PDB file of N, CA and C in Angstrom:
ATOM      1  N   MET A   1      -9.907  38.958  -8.352  1.00  0.00           N
ATOM      2  CA  MET A   1      -9.295  38.357  -9.529  1.00  0.00           C
ATOM      3  C   MET A   1      -8.780  36.951  -9.219  1.00  0.00           C
ATOM      4  N   PHE A   2      -7.949  36.846  -8.167  1.00  0.00           N
ATOM      5  CA  PHE A   2      -7.391  35.542  -7.800  1.00  0.00           C
ATOM      6  C   PHE A   2      -8.495  34.570  -7.434  1.00  0.00           C
ATOM      7  N   GLU A   3      -9.455  35.031  -6.651  1.00  0.00           N
ATOM      8  CA  GLU A   3     -10.537  34.165  -6.208  1.00  0.00           C
ATOM      9  C   GLU A   3     -11.345  33.650  -7.401  1.00  0.00           C
ATOM     10  N   LYS A   4     -11.606  34.501  -8.350  1.00  0.00           N
ATOM     11  CA  LYS A   4     -12.363  34.098  -9.537  1.00  0.00           C
ATOM     12  C   LYS A   4     -11.590  33.044 -10.332  1.00  0.00           C
ATOM     13  N   THR A   5     -10.297  33.276 -10.545  1.00  0.00           N
ATOM     14  CA  THR A   5      -9.467  32.327 -11.286  1.00  0.00           C
ATOM     15  C   THR A   5      -9.393  30.990 -10.550  1.00  0.00           C
ATOM     16  N   PHE A   6      -9.234  31.058  -9.240  1.00  0.00           N
ATOM     17  CA  PHE A   6      -9.150  29.848  -8.425  1.00  0.00           C
ATOM     18  C   PHE A   6     -10.439  29.047  -8.542  1.00  0.00           C
ATOM     19  N   LEU A   7     -11.567  29.708  -8.407  1.00  0.00           N
ATOM     20  CA  LEU A   7     -12.857  29.010  -8.485  1.00  0.00           C
ATOM     21  C   LEU A   7     -13.085  28.417  -9.867  1.00  0.00           C
ATOM     22  N   GLU A   8     -12.662  29.117 -10.904  1.00  0.00           N
ATOM     23  CA  GLU A   8     -12.801  28.573 -12.253  1.00  0.00           C
ATOM     24  C   GLU A   8     -11.976  27.300 -12.423  1.00  0.00           C
ATOM     25  N   LYS A   9     -10.765  27.302 -11.873  1.00  0.00           N
ATOM     26  CA  LYS A   9      -9.908  26.120 -11.982  1.00  0.00           C
ATOM     27  C   LYS A   9     -10.477  24.962 -11.169  1.00  0.00           C
ATOM     28  N   MET A  10     -11.076  25.261 -10.037  1.00  0.00           N
ATOM     29  CA  MET A  10     -11.665  24.213  -9.202  1.00  0.00           C
ATOM     30  C   MET A  10     -12.863  23.575  -9.893  1.00  0.00           C
ATOM     31  N   ARG A  11     -13.560  24.328 -10.696  1.00  0.00           N
ATOM     32  CA  ARG A  11     -14.737  23.800 -11.396  1.00  0.00           C
ATOM     33  C   ARG A  11     -14.388  23.154 -12.729  1.00  0.00           C
ATOM     34  N   ALA A  12     -13.160  23.287 -13.147  1.00  0.00           N
ATOM     35  CA  ALA A  12     -12.741  22.718 -14.434  1.00  0.00           C
ATOM     36  C   ALA A  12     -12.814  21.199 -14.366  1.00  0.00           C
ATOM     37  N   PRO A  13     -13.136  20.561 -15.482  1.00  0.00           N
ATOM     38  CA  PRO A  13     -13.206  19.095 -15.476  1.00  0.00           C
ATOM     39  C   PRO A  13     -11.831  18.488 -15.197  1.00  0.00           C
ATOM     40  N   VAL A  14     -11.848  17.366 -14.527  1.00  0.00           N
ATOM     41  CA  VAL A  14     -10.608  16.657 -14.221  1.00  0.00           C
ATOM     42  C   VAL A  14     -10.078  16.042 -15.503  1.00  0.00           C
ATOM     43  N   THR A  15      -8.834  16.295 -15.774  1.00  0.00           N
ATOM     44  CA  THR A  15      -8.233  15.721 -16.984  1.00  0.00           C
ATOM     45  C   THR A  15      -7.741  14.318 -16.683  1.00  0.00           C
ATOM     46  N   GLN A  16      -7.524  13.554 -17.719  1.00  0.00           N
ATOM     47  CA  GLN A  16      -6.991  12.203 -17.544  1.00  0.00           C
ATOM     48  C   GLN A  16      -5.615  12.267 -16.897  1.00  0.00           C
ATOM     49  N   THR A  17      -4.819  13.267 -17.283  1.00  0.00           N
ATOM     50  CA  THR A  17      -3.489  13.405 -16.697  1.00  0.00           C
ATOM     51  C   THR A  17      -3.594  13.677 -15.210  1.00  0.00           C
ATOM     52  N   GLY A  18      -4.499  14.567 -14.839  1.00  0.00           N
ATOM     53  CA  GLY A  18      -4.681  14.880 -13.420  1.00  0.00           C
ATOM     54  C   GLY A  18      -5.131  13.666 -12.626  1.00  0.00           C
ATOM     55  N   LEU A  19      -6.028  12.897 -13.197  1.00  0.00           N
ATOM     56  CA  LEU A  19      -6.514  11.689 -12.529  1.00  0.00           C
ATOM     57  C   LEU A  19      -5.402  10.652 -12.396  1.00  0.00           C
ATOM     58  N   ARG A  20      -4.583  10.534 -13.432  1.00  0.00           N
ATOM     59  CA  ARG A  20      -3.469   9.594 -13.412  1.00  0.00           C
ATOM     60  C   ARG A  20      -2.449   9.982 -12.325  1.00  0.00           C
ATOM     61  N   ILE A  21      -2.180  11.277 -12.191  1.00  0.00           N
ATOM     62  CA  ILE A  21      -1.249  11.748 -11.159  1.00  0.00           C
ATOM     63  C   ILE A  21      -1.804  11.412  -9.780  1.00  0.00           C
ATOM     64  N   TYR A  22      -3.094  11.653  -9.576  1.00  0.00           N
ATOM     65  CA  TYR A  22      -3.742  11.347  -8.298  1.00  0.00           C
ATOM     66  C   TYR A  22      -3.646   9.856  -7.982  1.00  0.00           C
ATOM     67  N   LYS A  23      -3.950   9.012  -8.954  1.00  0.00           N
ATOM     68  CA  LYS A  23      -3.890   7.562  -8.748  1.00  0.00           C
ATOM     69  C   LYS A  23      -2.459   7.112  -8.464  1.00  0.00           C
ATOM     70  N   ASN A  24      -1.489   7.697  -9.163  1.00  0.00           N
ATOM     71  CA  ASN A  24      -0.086   7.351  -8.911  1.00  0.00           C
ATOM     72  C   ASN A  24       0.340   7.749  -7.500  1.00  0.00           C
ATOM     73  N   ASN A  25      -0.139   8.887  -7.018  1.00  0.00           N
ATOM     74  CA  ASN A  25       0.184   9.306  -5.648  1.00  0.00           C
ATOM     75  C   ASN A  25      -0.385   8.332  -4.626  1.00  0.00           C
ATOM     76  N   ILE A  26      -1.601   7.908  -4.841  1.00  0.00           N
ATOM     77  CA  ILE A  26      -2.220   6.938  -3.932  1.00  0.00           C
ATOM     78  C   ILE A  26      -1.453   5.618  -3.967  1.00  0.00           C
ATOM     79  N   HIS A  27      -1.122   5.172  -5.162  1.00  0.00           N
ATOM     80  CA  HIS A  27      -0.391   3.920  -5.319  1.00  0.00           C
ATOM     81  C   HIS A  27       0.969   4.003  -4.629  1.00  0.00           C
ATOM     82  N   SER A  28       1.666   5.104  -4.807  1.00  0.00           N
ATOM     83  CA  SER A  28       2.976   5.295  -4.166  1.00  0.00           C
ATOM     84  C   SER A  28       2.849   5.322  -2.642  1.00  0.00           C
ATOM     85  N   ALA A  29       1.812   5.953  -2.137  1.00  0.00           N
ATOM     86  CA  ALA A  29       1.604   6.002  -0.684  1.00  0.00           C
ATOM     87  C   ALA A  29       1.332   4.606  -0.128  1.00  0.00           C
ATOM     88  N   ARG A  30       0.581   3.816  -0.848  1.00  0.00           N
ATOM     89  CA  ARG A  30       0.306   2.440  -0.406  1.00  0.00           C
ATOM     90  C   ARG A  30       1.582   1.597  -0.416  1.00  0.00           C
ATOM     91  N   MET A  31       2.402   1.773  -1.445  1.00  0.00           N
ATOM     92  CA  MET A  31       3.668   1.030  -1.501  1.00  0.00           C
ATOM     93  C   MET A  31       4.583   1.444  -0.354  1.00  0.00           C
ATOM     94  N   ALA A  32       4.619   2.729  -0.046  1.00  0.00           N
ATOM     95  CA  ALA A  32       5.444   3.215   1.063  1.00  0.00           C
ATOM     96  C   ALA A  32       4.931   2.662   2.394  1.00  0.00           C
ATOM     97  N   ALA A  33       3.620   2.557   2.532  1.00  0.00           N
ATOM     98  CA  ALA A  33       3.043   1.996   3.753  1.00  0.00           C
ATOM     99  C   ALA A  33       3.451   0.537   3.915  1.00  0.00           C
ATOM    100  N   LEU A  34       3.388  -0.234   2.841  1.00  0.00           N
ATOM    101  CA  LEU A  34       3.791  -1.639   2.905  1.00  0.00           C
ATOM    102  C   LEU A  34       5.270  -1.755   3.269  1.00  0.00           C
ATOM    103  N   ASP A  35       6.081  -0.900   2.714  1.00  0.00           N
ATOM    104  CA  ASP A  35       7.508  -0.901   3.018  1.00  0.00           C
ATOM    105  C   ASP A  35       7.748  -0.622   4.502  1.00  0.00           C
ATOM    106  N   ASP A  36       6.955   0.257   5.056  1.00  0.00           N
ATOM    107  CA  ASP A  36       7.091   0.605   6.472  1.00  0.00           C
ATOM    108  C   ASP A  36       6.559  -0.492   7.397  1.00  0.00           C
ATOM    109  N   ILE A  37       5.497  -1.153   7.007  1.00  0.00           N
ATOM    110  CA  ILE A  37       4.826  -2.146   7.852  1.00  0.00           C
ATOM    111  C   ILE A  37       5.536  -3.495   7.850  1.00  0.00           C
ATOM    112  N   PHE A  38       6.182  -3.853   6.743  1.00  0.00           N
ATOM    113  CA  PHE A  38       6.726  -5.200   6.592  1.00  0.00           C
ATOM    114  C   PHE A  38       8.254  -5.235   6.385  1.00  0.00           C
ATOM    115  N   PRO A  39       9.039  -4.707   7.318  1.00  0.00           N
ATOM    116  CA  PRO A  39      10.494  -4.708   7.130  1.00  0.00           C
ATOM    117  C   PRO A  39      11.114  -6.111   7.162  1.00  0.00           C
ATOM    118  N   ALA A  40      10.574  -6.995   7.968  1.00  0.00           N
ATOM    119  CA  ALA A  40      11.140  -8.350   8.043  1.00  0.00           C
ATOM    120  C   ALA A  40      10.848  -9.129   6.760  1.00  0.00           C
ATOM    121  N   VAL A  41       9.655  -8.973   6.220  1.00  0.00           N
ATOM    122  CA  VAL A  41       9.334  -9.634   4.948  1.00  0.00           C
ATOM    123  C   VAL A  41      10.290  -9.131   3.874  1.00  0.00           C
ATOM    124  N   LYS A  42      10.533  -7.839   3.870  1.00  0.00           N
ATOM    125  CA  LYS A  42      11.458  -7.255   2.901  1.00  0.00           C
ATOM    126  C   LYS A  42      12.855  -7.854   3.061  1.00  0.00           C
ATOM    127  N   ALA A  43      13.288  -8.020   4.292  1.00  0.00           N
ATOM    128  CA  ALA A  43      14.618  -8.578   4.548  1.00  0.00           C
ATOM    129  C   ALA A  43      14.714 -10.033   4.083  1.00  0.00           C
ATOM    130  N   PHE A  44      13.678 -10.808   4.335  1.00  0.00           N
ATOM    131  CA  PHE A  44      13.676 -12.221   3.925  1.00  0.00           C
ATOM    132  C   PHE A  44      13.519 -12.383   2.415  1.00  0.00           C
ATOM    133  N   ALA A  45      12.636 -11.594   1.819  1.00  0.00           N
ATOM    134  CA  ALA A  45      12.309 -11.761   0.402  1.00  0.00           C
ATOM    135  C   ALA A  45      13.317 -11.084  -0.525  1.00  0.00           C
ATOM    136  N   GLY A  46      14.003 -10.101  -0.031  1.00  0.00           N
ATOM    137  CA  GLY A  46      14.906  -9.328  -0.875  1.00  0.00           C
ATOM    138  C   GLY A  46      14.213  -8.081  -1.386  1.00  0.00           C
ATOM    139  N   GLU A  47      14.966  -7.011  -1.495  1.00  0.00           N
ATOM    140  CA  GLU A  47      14.367  -5.718  -1.820  1.00  0.00           C
ATOM    141  C   GLU A  47      13.680  -5.692  -3.189  1.00  0.00           C
ATOM    142  N   GLU A  48      14.307  -6.257  -4.192  1.00  0.00           N
ATOM    143  CA  GLU A  48      13.738  -6.199  -5.546  1.00  0.00           C
ATOM    144  C   GLU A  48      12.410  -6.962  -5.625  1.00  0.00           C
ATOM    145  N   PHE A  49      12.379  -8.178  -5.092  1.00  0.00           N
ATOM    146  CA  PHE A  49      11.137  -8.951  -5.109  1.00  0.00           C
ATOM    147  C   PHE A  49      10.072  -8.254  -4.268  1.00  0.00           C
ATOM    148  N   PHE A  50      10.475  -7.741  -3.116  1.00  0.00           N
ATOM    149  CA  PHE A  50       9.531  -7.058  -2.230  1.00  0.00           C
ATOM    150  C   PHE A  50       8.895  -5.860  -2.932  1.00  0.00           C
ATOM    151  N   LYS A  51       9.694  -5.068  -3.629  1.00  0.00           N
ATOM    152  CA  LYS A  51       9.159  -3.912  -4.350  1.00  0.00           C
ATOM    153  C   LYS A  51       8.131  -4.338  -5.390  1.00  0.00           C
ATOM    154  N   GLN A  52       8.440  -5.407  -6.109  1.00  0.00           N
ATOM    155  CA  GLN A  52       7.507  -5.884  -7.131  1.00  0.00           C
ATOM    156  C   GLN A  52       6.218  -6.407  -6.500  1.00  0.00           C
ATOM    157  N   ALA A  53       6.350  -7.141  -5.417  1.00  0.00           N
ATOM    158  CA  ALA A  53       5.160  -7.659  -4.728  1.00  0.00           C
ATOM    159  C   ALA A  53       4.303  -6.507  -4.210  1.00  0.00           C
ATOM    160  N   CYS A  54       4.940  -5.488  -3.651  1.00  0.00           N
ATOM    161  CA  CYS A  54       4.198  -4.323  -3.153  1.00  0.00           C
ATOM    162  C   CYS A  54       3.503  -3.588  -4.294  1.00  0.00           C
ATOM    163  N   PHE A  55       4.197  -3.454  -5.410  1.00  0.00           N
ATOM    164  CA  PHE A  55       3.618  -2.767  -6.564  1.00  0.00           C
ATOM    165  C   PHE A  55       2.314  -3.445  -7.000  1.00  0.00           C
ATOM    166  N   PHE A  56       2.364  -4.757  -7.160  1.00  0.00           N
ATOM    167  CA  PHE A  56       1.174  -5.469  -7.639  1.00  0.00           C
ATOM    168  C   PHE A  56       0.105  -5.590  -6.554  1.00  0.00           C
ATOM    169  N   TYR A  57       0.509  -5.734  -5.298  1.00  0.00           N
ATOM    170  CA  TYR A  57      -0.476  -5.781  -4.214  1.00  0.00           C
ATOM    171  C   TYR A  57      -1.236  -4.455  -4.150  1.00  0.00           C
ATOM    172  N   ALA A  58      -0.501  -3.349  -4.208  1.00  0.00           N
ATOM    173  CA  ALA A  58      -1.141  -2.031  -4.134  1.00  0.00           C
ATOM    174  C   ALA A  58      -2.067  -1.804  -5.326  1.00  0.00           C
ATOM    175  N   ALA A  59      -1.696  -2.317  -6.484  1.00  0.00           N
ATOM    176  CA  ALA A  59      -2.548  -2.174  -7.670  1.00  0.00           C
ATOM    177  C   ALA A  59      -3.804  -3.044  -7.564  1.00  0.00           C
ATOM    178  N   ASP A  60      -3.661  -4.229  -6.987  1.00  0.00           N
ATOM    179  CA  ASP A  60      -4.785  -5.166  -6.895  1.00  0.00           C
ATOM    180  C   ASP A  60      -5.685  -4.918  -5.690  1.00  0.00           C
ATOM    181  N   ASN A  61      -5.188  -4.194  -4.694  1.00  0.00           N
ATOM    182  CA  ASN A  61      -5.943  -3.969  -3.451  1.00  0.00           C
ATOM    183  C   ASN A  61      -6.147  -2.480  -3.250  1.00  0.00           C
ATOM    184  N   ASP A  62      -7.067  -1.938  -4.034  1.00  0.00           N
ATOM    185  CA  ASP A  62      -7.275  -0.493  -4.003  1.00  0.00           C
ATOM    186  C   ASP A  62      -8.518  -0.092  -3.216  1.00  0.00           C
ATOM    187  N   GLY A  63      -8.931  -0.925  -2.274  1.00  0.00           N
ATOM    188  CA  GLY A  63     -10.074  -0.581  -1.438  1.00  0.00           C
ATOM    189  C   GLY A  63      -9.786   0.620  -0.558  1.00  0.00           C
ATOM    190  N   VAL A  64     -10.818   1.176  -0.010  1.00  0.00           N
ATOM    191  CA  VAL A  64     -10.678   2.356   0.830  1.00  0.00           C
ATOM    192  C   VAL A  64     -10.092   1.959   2.183  1.00  0.00           C
ATOM    193  N   VAL A  65      -8.989   2.597   2.530  1.00  0.00           N
ATOM    194  CA  VAL A  65      -8.360   2.405   3.829  1.00  0.00           C
ATOM    195  C   VAL A  65      -8.199   3.783   4.441  1.00  0.00           C
ATOM    196  N   SER A  66      -8.846   4.013   5.562  1.00  0.00           N
ATOM    197  CA  SER A  66      -8.797   5.348   6.155  1.00  0.00           C
ATOM    198  C   SER A  66      -7.489   5.625   6.876  1.00  0.00           C
ATOM    199  N   ASN A  67      -6.741   4.575   7.210  1.00  0.00           N
ATOM    200  CA  ASN A  67      -5.482   4.739   7.928  1.00  0.00           C
ATOM    201  C   ASN A  67      -4.422   3.876   7.244  1.00  0.00           C
ATOM    202  N   LEU A  68      -3.497   4.513   6.539  1.00  0.00           N
ATOM    203  CA  LEU A  68      -2.474   3.751   5.818  1.00  0.00           C
ATOM    204  C   LEU A  68      -1.551   2.980   6.757  1.00  0.00           C
ATOM    205  N   ASN A  69      -1.552   3.328   8.032  1.00  0.00           N
ATOM    206  CA  ASN A  69      -0.764   2.554   8.992  1.00  0.00           C
ATOM    207  C   ASN A  69      -1.303   1.143   9.140  1.00  0.00           C
ATOM    208  N   LEU A  70      -2.535   0.935   8.713  1.00  0.00           N
ATOM    209  CA  LEU A  70      -3.160  -0.382   8.814  1.00  0.00           C
ATOM    210  C   LEU A  70      -3.429  -0.992   7.440  1.00  0.00           C
ATOM    211  N   TYR A  71      -2.752  -0.501   6.432  1.00  0.00           N
ATOM    212  CA  TYR A  71      -2.894  -1.044   5.077  1.00  0.00           C
ATOM    213  C   TYR A  71      -2.102  -2.352   4.990  1.00  0.00           C
ATOM    214  N   GLY A  72      -2.570  -3.285   4.215  1.00  0.00           N
ATOM    215  CA  GLY A  72      -1.843  -4.524   3.985  1.00  0.00           C
ATOM    216  C   GLY A  72      -2.323  -5.694   4.804  1.00  0.00           C
ATOM    217  N   LYS A  73      -3.550  -5.638   5.242  1.00  0.00           N
ATOM    218  CA  LYS A  73      -4.099  -6.707   6.083  1.00  0.00           C
ATOM    219  C   LYS A  73      -3.944  -8.083   5.434  1.00  0.00           C
ATOM    220  N   ASN A  74      -4.121  -8.170   4.143  1.00  0.00           N
ATOM    221  CA  ASN A  74      -4.069  -9.455   3.438  1.00  0.00           C
ATOM    222  C   ASN A  74      -2.753  -9.673   2.687  1.00  0.00           C
ATOM    223  N   PHE A  75      -1.733  -8.918   3.038  1.00  0.00           N
ATOM    224  CA  PHE A  75      -0.464  -9.026   2.327  1.00  0.00           C
ATOM    225  C   PHE A  75       0.153 -10.416   2.478  1.00  0.00           C
ATOM    226  N   GLY A  76       0.038 -11.002   3.664  1.00  0.00           N
ATOM    227  CA  GLY A  76       0.564 -12.357   3.883  1.00  0.00           C
ATOM    228  C   GLY A  76      -0.118 -13.377   2.990  1.00  0.00           C
ATOM    229  N   SER A  77      -1.428 -13.306   2.882  1.00  0.00           N
ATOM    230  CA  SER A  77      -2.180 -14.208   2.001  1.00  0.00           C
ATOM    231  C   SER A  77      -1.798 -13.988   0.550  1.00  0.00           C
ATOM    232  N   TYR A  78      -1.619 -12.719   0.198  1.00  0.00           N
ATOM    233  CA  TYR A  78      -1.220 -12.393  -1.165  1.00  0.00           C
ATOM    234  C   TYR A  78       0.129 -13.029  -1.494  1.00  0.00           C
ATOM    235  N   LEU A  79       1.083 -12.907  -0.573  1.00  0.00           N
ATOM    236  CA  LEU A  79       2.409 -13.484  -0.796  1.00  0.00           C
ATOM    237  C   LEU A  79       2.334 -15.003  -0.931  1.00  0.00           C
ATOM    238  N   SER A  80       1.547 -15.632  -0.081  1.00  0.00           N
ATOM    239  CA  SER A  80       1.486 -17.092  -0.112  1.00  0.00           C
ATOM    240  C   SER A  80       0.867 -17.615  -1.407  1.00  0.00           C
ATOM    241  N   ALA A  81       0.094 -16.784  -2.082  1.00  0.00           N
ATOM    242  CA  ALA A  81      -0.517 -17.198  -3.350  1.00  0.00           C
ATOM    243  C   ALA A  81       0.438 -17.044  -4.533  1.00  0.00           C
ATOM    244  N   LEU A  82       1.522 -16.313  -4.348  1.00  0.00           N
ATOM    245  CA  LEU A  82       2.483 -16.123  -5.440  1.00  0.00           C
ATOM    246  C   LEU A  82       3.336 -17.376  -5.606  1.00  0.00           C
ATOM    247  N   PRO A  83       3.462 -17.873  -6.820  1.00  0.00           N
ATOM    248  CA  PRO A  83       4.269 -19.088  -7.049  1.00  0.00           C
ATOM    249  C   PRO A  83       5.729 -18.930  -6.584  1.00  0.00           C
ATOM    250  N   GLN A  84       6.262 -17.714  -6.690  1.00  0.00           N
ATOM    251  CA  GLN A  84       7.649 -17.483  -6.270  1.00  0.00           C
ATOM    252  C   GLN A  84       7.840 -17.672  -4.768  1.00  0.00           C
ATOM    253  N   CYS A  85       6.756 -17.579  -4.004  1.00  0.00           N
ATOM    254  CA  CYS A  85       6.840 -17.696  -2.545  1.00  0.00           C
ATOM    255  C   CYS A  85       6.542 -19.103  -2.039  1.00  0.00           C
ATOM    256  N   HIS A  86       6.131 -20.008  -2.905  1.00  0.00           N
ATOM    257  CA  HIS A  86       5.800 -21.367  -2.463  1.00  0.00           C
ATOM    258  C   HIS A  86       6.955 -22.048  -1.727  1.00  0.00           C
ATOM    259  N   PRO A  87       8.207 -21.848  -2.130  1.00  0.00           N
ATOM    260  CA  PRO A  87       9.303 -22.470  -1.366  1.00  0.00           C
ATOM    261  C   PRO A  87       9.528 -21.812   0.009  1.00  0.00           C
ATOM    262  N   TYR A  88       8.867 -20.678   0.249  1.00  0.00           N
ATOM    263  CA  TYR A  88       9.065 -19.933   1.496  1.00  0.00           C
ATOM    264  C   TYR A  88       7.727 -19.708   2.208  1.00  0.00           C
ATOM    265  N   PRO A  89       7.096 -20.763   2.686  1.00  0.00           N
ATOM    266  CA  PRO A  89       5.768 -20.619   3.290  1.00  0.00           C
ATOM    267  C   PRO A  89       5.764 -19.750   4.546  1.00  0.00           C
ATOM    268  N   TYR A  90       6.917 -19.572   5.154  1.00  0.00           N
ATOM    269  CA  TYR A  90       6.997 -18.765   6.372  1.00  0.00           C
ATOM    270  C   TYR A  90       6.812 -17.272   6.104  1.00  0.00           C
ATOM    271  N   LEU A  91       6.922 -16.828   4.858  1.00  0.00           N
ATOM    272  CA  LEU A  91       6.732 -15.403   4.558  1.00  0.00           C
ATOM    273  C   LEU A  91       5.338 -14.927   4.960  1.00  0.00           C
ATOM    274  N   ARG A  92       4.350 -15.797   4.760  1.00  0.00           N
ATOM    275  CA  ARG A  92       2.988 -15.412   5.156  1.00  0.00           C
ATOM    276  C   ARG A  92       2.917 -15.209   6.670  1.00  0.00           C
ATOM    277  N   ASP A  93       3.508 -16.119   7.425  1.00  0.00           N
ATOM    278  CA  ASP A  93       3.479 -15.993   8.884  1.00  0.00           C
ATOM    279  C   ASP A  93       4.207 -14.739   9.355  1.00  0.00           C
ATOM    280  N   ILE A  94       5.321 -14.442   8.724  1.00  0.00           N
ATOM    281  CA  ILE A  94       6.074 -13.234   9.088  1.00  0.00           C
ATOM    282  C   ILE A  94       5.238 -11.991   8.786  1.00  0.00           C
ATOM    283  N   ALA A  95       4.621 -11.965   7.608  1.00  0.00           N
ATOM    284  CA  ALA A  95       3.790 -10.815   7.240  1.00  0.00           C
ATOM    285  C   ALA A  95       2.605 -10.672   8.186  1.00  0.00           C
ATOM    286  N   ASP A  96       1.961 -11.772   8.495  1.00  0.00           N
ATOM    287  CA  ASP A  96       0.818 -11.715   9.421  1.00  0.00           C
ATOM    288  C   ASP A  96       1.251 -11.225  10.801  1.00  0.00           C
ATOM    289  N   PHE A  97       2.410 -11.696  11.257  1.00  0.00           N
ATOM    290  CA  PHE A  97       2.932 -11.275  12.557  1.00  0.00           C
ATOM    291  C   PHE A  97       3.238  -9.776  12.555  1.00  0.00           C
ATOM    292  N   GLU A  98       3.902  -9.304  11.499  1.00  0.00           N
ATOM    293  CA  GLU A  98       4.228  -7.875  11.437  1.00  0.00           C
ATOM    294  C   GLU A  98       2.965  -7.024  11.378  1.00  0.00           C
ATOM    295  N   TYR A  99       1.971  -7.481  10.630  1.00  0.00           N
ATOM    296  CA  TYR A  99       0.724  -6.728  10.561  1.00  0.00           C
ATOM    297  C   TYR A  99       0.027  -6.705  11.924  1.00  0.00           C
ATOM    298  N   ASP A 100       0.033  -7.832  12.625  1.00  0.00           N
ATOM    299  CA  ASP A 100      -0.593  -7.880  13.953  1.00  0.00           C
ATOM    300  C   ASP A 100       0.089  -6.929  14.930  1.00  0.00           C
ATOM    301  N   ILE A 101       1.413  -6.857  14.860  1.00  0.00           N
ATOM    302  CA  ILE A 101       2.135  -5.906  15.720  1.00  0.00           C
ATOM    303  C   ILE A 101       1.678  -4.489  15.420  1.00  0.00           C
ATOM    304  N   ARG A 102       1.581  -4.168  14.151  1.00  0.00           N
ATOM    305  CA  ARG A 102       1.159  -2.820  13.745  1.00  0.00           C
ATOM    306  C   ARG A 102      -0.267  -2.548  14.192  1.00  0.00           C
ATOM    307  N   ARG A 103      -1.127  -3.529  13.994  1.00  0.00           N
ATOM    308  CA  ARG A 103      -2.544  -3.366  14.359  1.00  0.00           C
ATOM    309  C   ARG A 103      -2.691  -3.142  15.857  1.00  0.00           C
ATOM    310  N   ILE A 104      -1.964  -3.903  16.648  1.00  0.00           N
ATOM    311  CA  ILE A 104      -2.025  -3.743  18.110  1.00  0.00           C
ATOM    312  C   ILE A 104      -1.517  -2.370  18.520  1.00  0.00           C
ATOM    313  N   PHE A 105      -0.438  -1.930  17.892  1.00  0.00           N
ATOM    314  CA  PHE A 105       0.130  -0.625  18.223  1.00  0.00           C
ATOM    315  C   PHE A 105      -0.869   0.489  17.936  1.00  0.00           C
ATOM    316  N   TYR A 106      -1.533   0.441  16.803  1.00  0.00           N
ATOM    317  CA  TYR A 106      -2.471   1.495  16.445  1.00  0.00           C
ATOM    318  C   TYR A 106      -3.849   1.304  17.045  1.00  0.00           C
ATOM    319  N   PHE A 107      -4.165   0.118  17.514  1.00  0.00           N
ATOM    320  CA  PHE A 107      -5.460  -0.123  18.141  1.00  0.00           C
ATOM    321  C   PHE A 107      -5.617   0.720  19.399  1.00  0.00           C
ATOM    322  N   ARG A 108      -4.555   0.871  20.142  1.00  0.00           N
ATOM    323  CA  ARG A 108      -4.650   1.623  21.395  1.00  0.00           C
ATOM    324  C   ARG A 108      -5.004   3.091  21.173  1.00  0.00           C
ATOM    325  N   ASP A 109      -4.806   3.600  19.949  1.00  0.00           N
ATOM    326  CA  ASP A 109      -5.149   4.980  19.646  1.00  0.00           C
ATOM    327  C   ASP A 109      -6.606   5.143  19.239  1.00  0.00           C
ATOM    328  N   GLN A 110      -7.306   4.056  19.051  1.00  0.00           N
ATOM    329  CA  GLN A 110      -8.697   4.162  18.589  1.00  0.00           C
ATOM    330  C   GLN A 110      -9.659   4.165  19.738  1.00  0.00           C
TER     331      GLN A 110
END
């Protein structure tokens, strides 16, 4: 009985709500990864601006990343393109530096 019900639910078409929940989970995971990878950028930029930048970066950069520890490769470039960051050109360098530290740390595991 349980197995039959389970298999029927697995074969059911994906609803828009279900797809939206899945996409929101992925988006939230990407934002959390950026928060973890770029603490210095967050400190310099301020939490509110950082959250907004992460939100839009995660929405605009939805490519396949097999390891979220290495997500955000182009975050520094993204920040430097934002008009709000033009007075702070060092944010890109800080982001690139933090990403390089992360990449080096995880490279040894590959």
